[in-house]
């Protein structure tokens, strides 16, 4: 199960296109953000990002999770 922080992480990376910029937006280190991504992917059993592209791109699974994040996050504020 994903937590709200995980949805915020995915949305921030998708919006910023880079781990460095997303980490700054979330007030995290790049290392902490990388660990969070690995945790999310491990929980879900799928890759969410194509890491060899710049900017970072979402996989199909990542796109589906991002859609969920975009629906849920506005309800949380």
PDB file of N, CA and C in Angstrom:
ATOM      1  N   UNK A   1       0.840  -1.180   0.000  1.00  0.00           N
ATOM      2  CA  UNK A   1       0.000   0.000   0.000  1.00  0.00           C
ATOM      3  C   UNK A   1       0.887   1.245   0.000  1.00  0.00           C
ATOM      4  N   UNK A   2       0.487   2.210  -0.761  1.00  0.00           N
ATOM      5  CA  UNK A   2       1.244   3.456  -0.839  1.00  0.00           C
ATOM      6  C   UNK A   2       0.742   4.460   0.184  1.00  0.00           C
ATOM      7  N   UNK A   3       1.651   5.294   0.618  1.00  0.00           N
ATOM      8  CA  UNK A   3       1.322   6.373   1.534  1.00  0.00           C
ATOM      9  C   UNK A   3       1.237   7.680   0.741  1.00  0.00           C
ATOM     10  N   UNK A   4       0.643   8.681   1.350  1.00  0.00           N
ATOM     11  CA  UNK A   4       0.515   9.987   0.703  1.00  0.00           C
ATOM     12  C   UNK A   4       1.889  10.525   0.308  1.00  0.00           C
ATOM     13  N   UNK A   5       2.899  10.322   1.163  1.00  0.00           N
ATOM     14  CA  UNK A   5       4.244  10.821   0.829  1.00  0.00           C
ATOM     15  C   UNK A   5       4.757  10.185  -0.455  1.00  0.00           C
ATOM     16  N   UNK A   6       4.378   8.940  -0.710  1.00  0.00           N
ATOM     17  CA  UNK A   6       4.809   8.273  -1.938  1.00  0.00           C
ATOM     18  C   UNK A   6       4.150   8.917  -3.159  1.00  0.00           C
ATOM     19  N   UNK A   7       2.875   9.240  -3.036  1.00  0.00           N
ATOM     20  CA  UNK A   7       2.181   9.902  -4.145  1.00  0.00           C
ATOM     21  C   UNK A   7       2.785  11.279  -4.413  1.00  0.00           C
ATOM     22  N   UNK A   8       3.127  11.999  -3.338  1.00  0.00           N
ATOM     23  CA  UNK A   8       3.764  13.311  -3.491  1.00  0.00           C
ATOM     24  C   UNK A   8       5.120  13.173  -4.175  1.00  0.00           C
ATOM     25  N   UNK A   9       5.845  12.133  -3.816  1.00  0.00           N
ATOM     26  CA  UNK A   9       7.155  11.886  -4.418  1.00  0.00           C
ATOM     27  C   UNK A   9       7.035  11.655  -5.914  1.00  0.00           C
ATOM     28  N   UNK A  10       6.133  10.784  -6.307  1.00  0.00           N
ATOM     29  CA  UNK A  10       5.951  10.464  -7.726  1.00  0.00           C
ATOM     30  C   UNK A  10       5.527  11.705  -8.500  1.00  0.00           C
ATOM     31  N   UNK A  11       4.591  12.464  -7.947  1.00  0.00           N
ATOM     32  CA  UNK A  11       4.124  13.675  -8.622  1.00  0.00           C
ATOM     33  C   UNK A  11       5.252  14.704  -8.746  1.00  0.00           C
ATOM     34  N   UNK A  12       6.039  14.871  -7.698  1.00  0.00           N
ATOM     35  CA  UNK A  12       7.128  15.856  -7.737  1.00  0.00           C
ATOM     36  C   UNK A  12       8.174  15.485  -8.779  1.00  0.00           C
ATOM     37  N   UNK A  13       8.529  14.221  -8.846  1.00  0.00           N
ATOM     38  CA  UNK A  13       9.524  13.801  -9.838  1.00  0.00           C
ATOM     39  C   UNK A  13       8.973  13.991 -11.248  1.00  0.00           C
ATOM     40  N   UNK A  14       7.716  13.629 -11.445  1.00  0.00           N
ATOM     41  CA  UNK A  14       7.101  13.804 -12.765  1.00  0.00           C
ATOM     42  C   UNK A  14       7.052  15.285 -13.141  1.00  0.00           C
ATOM     43  N   UNK A  15       6.710  16.140 -12.191  1.00  0.00           N
ATOM     44  CA  UNK A  15       6.618  17.580 -12.453  1.00  0.00           C
ATOM     45  C   UNK A  15       7.986  18.207 -12.710  1.00  0.00           C
ATOM     46  N   UNK A  16       8.971  17.811 -11.927  1.00  0.00           N
ATOM     47  CA  UNK A  16      10.297  18.433 -12.001  1.00  0.00           C
ATOM     48  C   UNK A  16      11.192  17.810 -13.060  1.00  0.00           C
ATOM     49  N   UNK A  17      10.987  16.528 -13.342  1.00  0.00           N
ATOM     50  CA  UNK A  17      11.792  15.863 -14.364  1.00  0.00           C
ATOM     51  C   UNK A  17      13.176  15.443 -13.922  1.00  0.00           C
ATOM     52  N   UNK A  18      13.500  15.708 -12.663  1.00  0.00           N
ATOM     53  CA  UNK A  18      14.809  15.287 -12.156  1.00  0.00           C
ATOM     54  C   UNK A  18      14.719  15.017 -10.660  1.00  0.00           C
ATOM     55  N   UNK A  19      15.572  14.104 -10.208  1.00  0.00           N
ATOM     56  CA  UNK A  19      15.601  13.785  -8.780  1.00  0.00           C
ATOM     57  C   UNK A  19      16.094  14.971  -7.960  1.00  0.00           C
ATOM     58  N   UNK A  20      17.080  15.673  -8.466  1.00  0.00           N
ATOM     59  CA  UNK A  20      17.652  16.798  -7.724  1.00  0.00           C
ATOM     60  C   UNK A  20      16.594  17.868  -7.478  1.00  0.00           C
ATOM     61  N   UNK A  21      15.893  18.247  -8.522  1.00  0.00           N
ATOM     62  CA  UNK A  21      14.884  19.306  -8.386  1.00  0.00           C
ATOM     63  C   UNK A  21      13.695  18.841  -7.546  1.00  0.00           C
ATOM     64  N   UNK A  22      13.280  17.588  -7.722  1.00  0.00           N
ATOM     65  CA  UNK A  22      12.175  17.055  -6.922  1.00  0.00           C
ATOM     66  C   UNK A  22      12.570  16.978  -5.453  1.00  0.00           C
ATOM     67  N   UNK A  23      13.799  16.569  -5.185  1.00  0.00           N
ATOM     68  CA  UNK A  23      14.272  16.490  -3.801  1.00  0.00           C
ATOM     69  C   UNK A  23      14.237  17.869  -3.147  1.00  0.00           C
ATOM     70  N   UNK A  24      14.676  18.881  -3.876  1.00  0.00           N
ATOM     71  CA  UNK A  24      14.629  20.246  -3.344  1.00  0.00           C
ATOM     72  C   UNK A  24      13.197  20.660  -3.037  1.00  0.00           C
ATOM     73  N   UNK A  25      12.287  20.355  -3.937  1.00  0.00           N
ATOM     74  CA  UNK A  25      10.882  20.722  -3.747  1.00  0.00           C
ATOM     75  C   UNK A  25      10.289  20.033  -2.517  1.00  0.00           C
ATOM     76  N   UNK A  26      10.714  18.793  -2.274  1.00  0.00           N
ATOM     77  CA  UNK A  26      10.180  18.005  -1.162  1.00  0.00           C
ATOM     78  C   UNK A  26      10.995  18.160   0.124  1.00  0.00           C
ATOM     79  N   UNK A  27      12.044  18.997   0.071  1.00  0.00           N
ATOM     80  CA  UNK A  27      12.929  19.206   1.222  1.00  0.00           C
ATOM     81  C   UNK A  27      13.570  17.897   1.686  1.00  0.00           C
ATOM     82  N   UNK A  28      14.045  17.122   0.721  1.00  0.00           N
ATOM     83  CA  UNK A  28      14.740  15.863   0.979  1.00  0.00           C
ATOM     84  C   UNK A  28      16.096  15.901   0.287  1.00  0.00           C
ATOM     85  N   UNK A  29      16.969  15.002   0.691  1.00  0.00           N
ATOM     86  CA  UNK A  29      18.205  14.838  -0.062  1.00  0.00           C
ATOM     87  C   UNK A  29      17.910  13.968  -1.277  1.00  0.00           C
ATOM     88  N   UNK A  30      18.776  14.048  -2.262  1.00  0.00           N
ATOM     89  CA  UNK A  30      18.601  13.202  -3.443  1.00  0.00           C
ATOM     90  C   UNK A  30      18.674  11.730  -3.051  1.00  0.00           C
ATOM     91  N   UNK A  31      19.544  11.411  -2.116  1.00  0.00           N
ATOM     92  CA  UNK A  31      19.691  10.034  -1.648  1.00  0.00           C
ATOM     93  C   UNK A  31      18.399   9.532  -1.002  1.00  0.00           C
ATOM     94  N   UNK A  32      17.796  10.358  -0.153  1.00  0.00           N
ATOM     95  CA  UNK A  32      16.543   9.964   0.500  1.00  0.00           C
ATOM     96  C   UNK A  32      15.441   9.747  -0.528  1.00  0.00           C
ATOM     97  N   UNK A  33      15.411  10.590  -1.538  1.00  0.00           N
ATOM     98  CA  UNK A  33      14.403  10.454  -2.584  1.00  0.00           C
ATOM     99  C   UNK A  33      14.625   9.174  -3.388  1.00  0.00           C
ATOM    100  N   UNK A  34      15.867   8.872  -3.693  1.00  0.00           N
ATOM    101  CA  UNK A  34      16.184   7.630  -4.413  1.00  0.00           C
ATOM    102  C   UNK A  34      15.753   6.409  -3.608  1.00  0.00           C
ATOM    103  N   UNK A  35      15.992   6.457  -2.307  1.00  0.00           N
ATOM    104  CA  UNK A  35      15.575   5.344  -1.447  1.00  0.00           C
ATOM    105  C   UNK A  35      14.057   5.205  -1.436  1.00  0.00           C
ATOM    106  N   UNK A  36      13.369   6.340  -1.426  1.00  0.00           N
ATOM    107  CA  UNK A  36      11.906   6.297  -1.454  1.00  0.00           C
ATOM    108  C   UNK A  36      11.394   5.656  -2.734  1.00  0.00           C
ATOM    109  N   UNK A  37      12.000   6.005  -3.854  1.00  0.00           N
ATOM    110  CA  UNK A  37      11.585   5.425  -5.137  1.00  0.00           C
ATOM    111  C   UNK A  37      11.789   3.915  -5.114  1.00  0.00           C
ATOM    112  N   UNK A  38      12.946   3.489  -4.624  1.00  0.00           N
ATOM    113  CA  UNK A  38      13.215   2.051  -4.544  1.00  0.00           C
ATOM    114  C   UNK A  38      12.202   1.353  -3.644  1.00  0.00           C
ATOM    115  N   UNK A  39      11.843   1.997  -2.534  1.00  0.00           N
ATOM    116  CA  UNK A  39      10.848   1.429  -1.620  1.00  0.00           C
ATOM    117  C   UNK A  39       9.486   1.300  -2.313  1.00  0.00           C
ATOM    118  N   UNK A  40       9.085   2.338  -3.017  1.00  0.00           N
ATOM    119  CA  UNK A  40       7.801   2.311  -3.722  1.00  0.00           C
ATOM    120  C   UNK A  40       7.797   1.205  -4.769  1.00  0.00           C
ATOM    121  N   UNK A  41       8.858   1.156  -5.563  1.00  0.00           N
ATOM    122  CA  UNK A  41       8.936   0.138  -6.615  1.00  0.00           C
ATOM    123  C   UNK A  41       8.959  -1.267  -6.018  1.00  0.00           C
ATOM    124  N   UNK A  42       9.617  -1.425  -4.896  1.00  0.00           N
ATOM    125  CA  UNK A  42       9.661  -2.726  -4.228  1.00  0.00           C
ATOM    126  C   UNK A  42       8.275  -3.122  -3.727  1.00  0.00           C
ATOM    127  N   UNK A  43       7.574  -2.184  -3.122  1.00  0.00           N
ATOM    128  CA  UNK A  43       6.219  -2.462  -2.624  1.00  0.00           C
ATOM    129  C   UNK A  43       5.272  -2.857  -3.752  1.00  0.00           C
ATOM    130  N   UNK A  44       5.404  -2.157  -4.875  1.00  0.00           N
ATOM    131  CA  UNK A  44       4.491  -2.396  -5.995  1.00  0.00           C
ATOM    132  C   UNK A  44       4.957  -3.516  -6.917  1.00  0.00           C
ATOM    133  N   UNK A  45       6.240  -3.802  -6.883  1.00  0.00           N
ATOM    134  CA  UNK A  45       6.785  -4.843  -7.754  1.00  0.00           C
ATOM    135  C   UNK A  45       6.911  -4.427  -9.211  1.00  0.00           C
ATOM    136  N   UNK A  46       6.995  -3.121  -9.458  1.00  0.00           N
ATOM    137  CA  UNK A  46       7.142  -2.603 -10.827  1.00  0.00           C
ATOM    138  C   UNK A  46       8.097  -1.414 -10.823  1.00  0.00           C
ATOM    139  N   UNK A  47       8.677  -1.144 -11.972  1.00  0.00           N
ATOM    140  CA  UNK A  47       9.490   0.063 -12.159  1.00  0.00           C
ATOM    141  C   UNK A  47       8.550   1.214 -12.484  1.00  0.00           C
ATOM    142  N   UNK A  48       8.809   2.362 -11.896  1.00  0.00           N
ATOM    143  CA  UNK A  48       7.968   3.532 -12.138  1.00  0.00           C
ATOM    144  C   UNK A  48       8.609   4.551 -13.072  1.00  0.00           C
ATOM    145  N   UNK A  49       9.942   4.543 -13.133  1.00  0.00           N
ATOM    146  CA  UNK A  49      10.655   5.536 -13.926  1.00  0.00           C
ATOM    147  C   UNK A  49      11.659   4.884 -14.860  1.00  0.00           C
ATOM    148  N   UNK A  50      11.831   5.501 -16.020  1.00  0.00           N
ATOM    149  CA  UNK A  50      12.896   5.125 -16.946  1.00  0.00           C
ATOM    150  C   UNK A  50      14.076   6.008 -16.566  1.00  0.00           C
ATOM    151  N   UNK A  51      15.051   5.430 -15.939  1.00  0.00           N
ATOM    152  CA  UNK A  51      16.144   6.208 -15.355  1.00  0.00           C
ATOM    153  C   UNK A  51      17.192   6.649 -16.367  1.00  0.00           C
ATOM    154  N   UNK A  52      17.224   6.052 -17.521  1.00  0.00           N
ATOM    155  CA  UNK A  52      18.262   6.388 -18.496  1.00  0.00           C
ATOM    156  C   UNK A  52      17.891   7.593 -19.350  1.00  0.00           C
ATOM    157  N   UNK A  53      16.720   8.151 -19.122  1.00  0.00           N
ATOM    158  CA  UNK A  53      16.309   9.309 -19.919  1.00  0.00           C
ATOM    159  C   UNK A  53      16.406  10.572 -19.071  1.00  0.00           C
ATOM    160  N   UNK A  54      16.623  11.665 -19.737  1.00  0.00           N
ATOM    161  CA  UNK A  54      16.615  12.964 -19.074  1.00  0.00           C
ATOM    162  C   UNK A  54      15.716  13.869 -19.879  1.00  0.00           C
ATOM    163  N   UNK A  55      14.678  14.420 -19.341  1.00  0.00           N
ATOM    164  CA  UNK A  55      14.261  14.245 -17.962  1.00  0.00           C
ATOM    165  C   UNK A  55      13.761  12.827 -17.692  1.00  0.00           C
ATOM    166  N   UNK A  56      13.678  12.482 -16.393  1.00  0.00           N
ATOM    167  CA  UNK A  56      13.153  11.172 -16.022  1.00  0.00           C
ATOM    168  C   UNK A  56      11.757  11.013 -16.600  1.00  0.00           C
ATOM    169  N   UNK A  57      11.490   9.845 -17.137  1.00  0.00           N
ATOM    170  CA  UNK A  57      10.162   9.578 -17.697  1.00  0.00           C
ATOM    171  C   UNK A  57       9.513   8.449 -16.924  1.00  0.00           C
ATOM    172  N   UNK A  58       8.209   8.503 -16.862  1.00  0.00           N
ATOM    173  CA  UNK A  58       7.445   7.456 -16.194  1.00  0.00           C
ATOM    174  C   UNK A  58       7.249   6.265 -17.116  1.00  0.00           C
ATOM    175  N   UNK A  59       7.238   5.078 -16.526  1.00  0.00           N
ATOM    176  CA  UNK A  59       6.835   3.885 -17.259  1.00  0.00           C
ATOM    177  C   UNK A  59       5.311   3.901 -17.329  1.00  0.00           C
ATOM    178  N   UNK A  60       4.726   2.927 -17.997  1.00  0.00           N
ATOM    179  CA  UNK A  60       3.258   2.838 -18.053  1.00  0.00           C
ATOM    180  C   UNK A  60       2.686   2.690 -16.646  1.00  0.00           C
ATOM    181  N   UNK A  61       3.336   1.883 -15.820  1.00  0.00           N
ATOM    182  CA  UNK A  61       2.877   1.714 -14.430  1.00  0.00           C
ATOM    183  C   UNK A  61       3.003   3.032 -13.673  1.00  0.00           C
ATOM    184  N   UNK A  62       4.086   3.751 -13.906  1.00  0.00           N
ATOM    185  CA  UNK A  62       4.276   5.042 -13.270  1.00  0.00           C
ATOM    186  C   UNK A  62       3.210   6.044 -13.676  1.00  0.00           C
ATOM    187  N   UNK A  63       2.823   6.013 -14.935  1.00  0.00           N
ATOM    188  CA  UNK A  63       1.752   6.899 -15.423  1.00  0.00           C
ATOM    189  C   UNK A  63       0.440   6.613 -14.697  1.00  0.00           C
ATOM    190  N   UNK A  64       0.147   5.339 -14.492  1.00  0.00           N
ATOM    191  CA  UNK A  64      -1.099   4.981 -13.785  1.00  0.00           C
ATOM    192  C   UNK A  64      -1.071   5.469 -12.341  1.00  0.00           C
ATOM    193  N   UNK A  65       0.073   5.311 -11.685  1.00  0.00           N
ATOM    194  CA  UNK A  65       0.191   5.785 -10.306  1.00  0.00           C
ATOM    195  C   UNK A  65       0.108   7.310 -10.264  1.00  0.00           C
ATOM    196  N   UNK A  66       0.708   7.979 -11.234  1.00  0.00           N
ATOM    197  CA  UNK A  66       0.641   9.439 -11.291  1.00  0.00           C
ATOM    198  C   UNK A  66      -0.802   9.910 -11.451  1.00  0.00           C
ATOM    199  N   UNK A  67      -1.581   9.228 -12.267  1.00  0.00           N
ATOM    200  CA  UNK A  67      -3.002   9.583 -12.410  1.00  0.00           C
ATOM    201  C   UNK A  67      -3.703   9.502 -11.061  1.00  0.00           C
ATOM    202  N   UNK A  68      -3.413   8.449 -10.313  1.00  0.00           N
ATOM    203  CA  UNK A  68      -3.996   8.296  -8.980  1.00  0.00           C
ATOM    204  C   UNK A  68      -3.545   9.436  -8.075  1.00  0.00           C
ATOM    205  N   UNK A  69      -2.258   9.741  -8.115  1.00  0.00           N
ATOM    206  CA  UNK A  69      -1.724  10.824  -7.284  1.00  0.00           C
ATOM    207  C   UNK A  69      -2.408  12.143  -7.612  1.00  0.00           C
ATOM    208  N   UNK A  70      -2.587  12.428  -8.892  1.00  0.00           N
ATOM    209  CA  UNK A  70      -3.218  13.688  -9.310  1.00  0.00           C
ATOM    210  C   UNK A  70      -4.687  13.759  -8.867  1.00  0.00           C
ATOM    211  N   UNK A  71      -5.320  12.609  -8.719  1.00  0.00           N
ATOM    212  CA  UNK A  71      -6.707  12.578  -8.249  1.00  0.00           C
ATOM    213  C   UNK A  71      -6.799  12.706  -6.732  1.00  0.00           C
ATOM    214  N   UNK A  72      -5.879  12.057  -6.035  1.00  0.00           N
ATOM    215  CA  UNK A  72      -5.953  11.977  -4.575  1.00  0.00           C
ATOM    216  C   UNK A  72      -5.357  13.201  -3.880  1.00  0.00           C
ATOM    217  N   UNK A  73      -4.219  13.664  -4.339  1.00  0.00           N
ATOM    218  CA  UNK A  73      -3.514  14.732  -3.620  1.00  0.00           C
ATOM    219  C   UNK A  73      -4.326  16.012  -3.427  1.00  0.00           C
ATOM    220  N   UNK A  74      -5.091  16.473  -4.412  1.00  0.00           N
ATOM    221  CA  UNK A  74      -5.889  17.684  -4.168  1.00  0.00           C
ATOM    222  C   UNK A  74      -6.922  17.510  -3.050  1.00  0.00           C
ATOM    223  N   UNK A  75      -7.342  16.297  -2.818  1.00  0.00           N
ATOM    224  CA  UNK A  75      -8.318  16.033  -1.768  1.00  0.00           C
ATOM    225  C   UNK A  75      -7.691  16.065  -0.377  1.00  0.00           C
ATOM    226  N   UNK A  76      -6.369  15.987  -0.326  1.00  0.00           N
ATOM    227  CA  UNK A  76      -5.663  15.911   0.946  1.00  0.00           C
ATOM    228  C   UNK A  76      -5.281  17.280   1.502  1.00  0.00           C
ATOM    229  N   UNK A  77      -5.458  18.328   0.733  1.00  0.00           N
ATOM    230  CA  UNK A  77      -5.038  19.652   1.213  1.00  0.00           C
ATOM    231  C   UNK A  77      -6.181  20.428   1.800  1.00  0.00           C
TER     232      UNK A  77
END
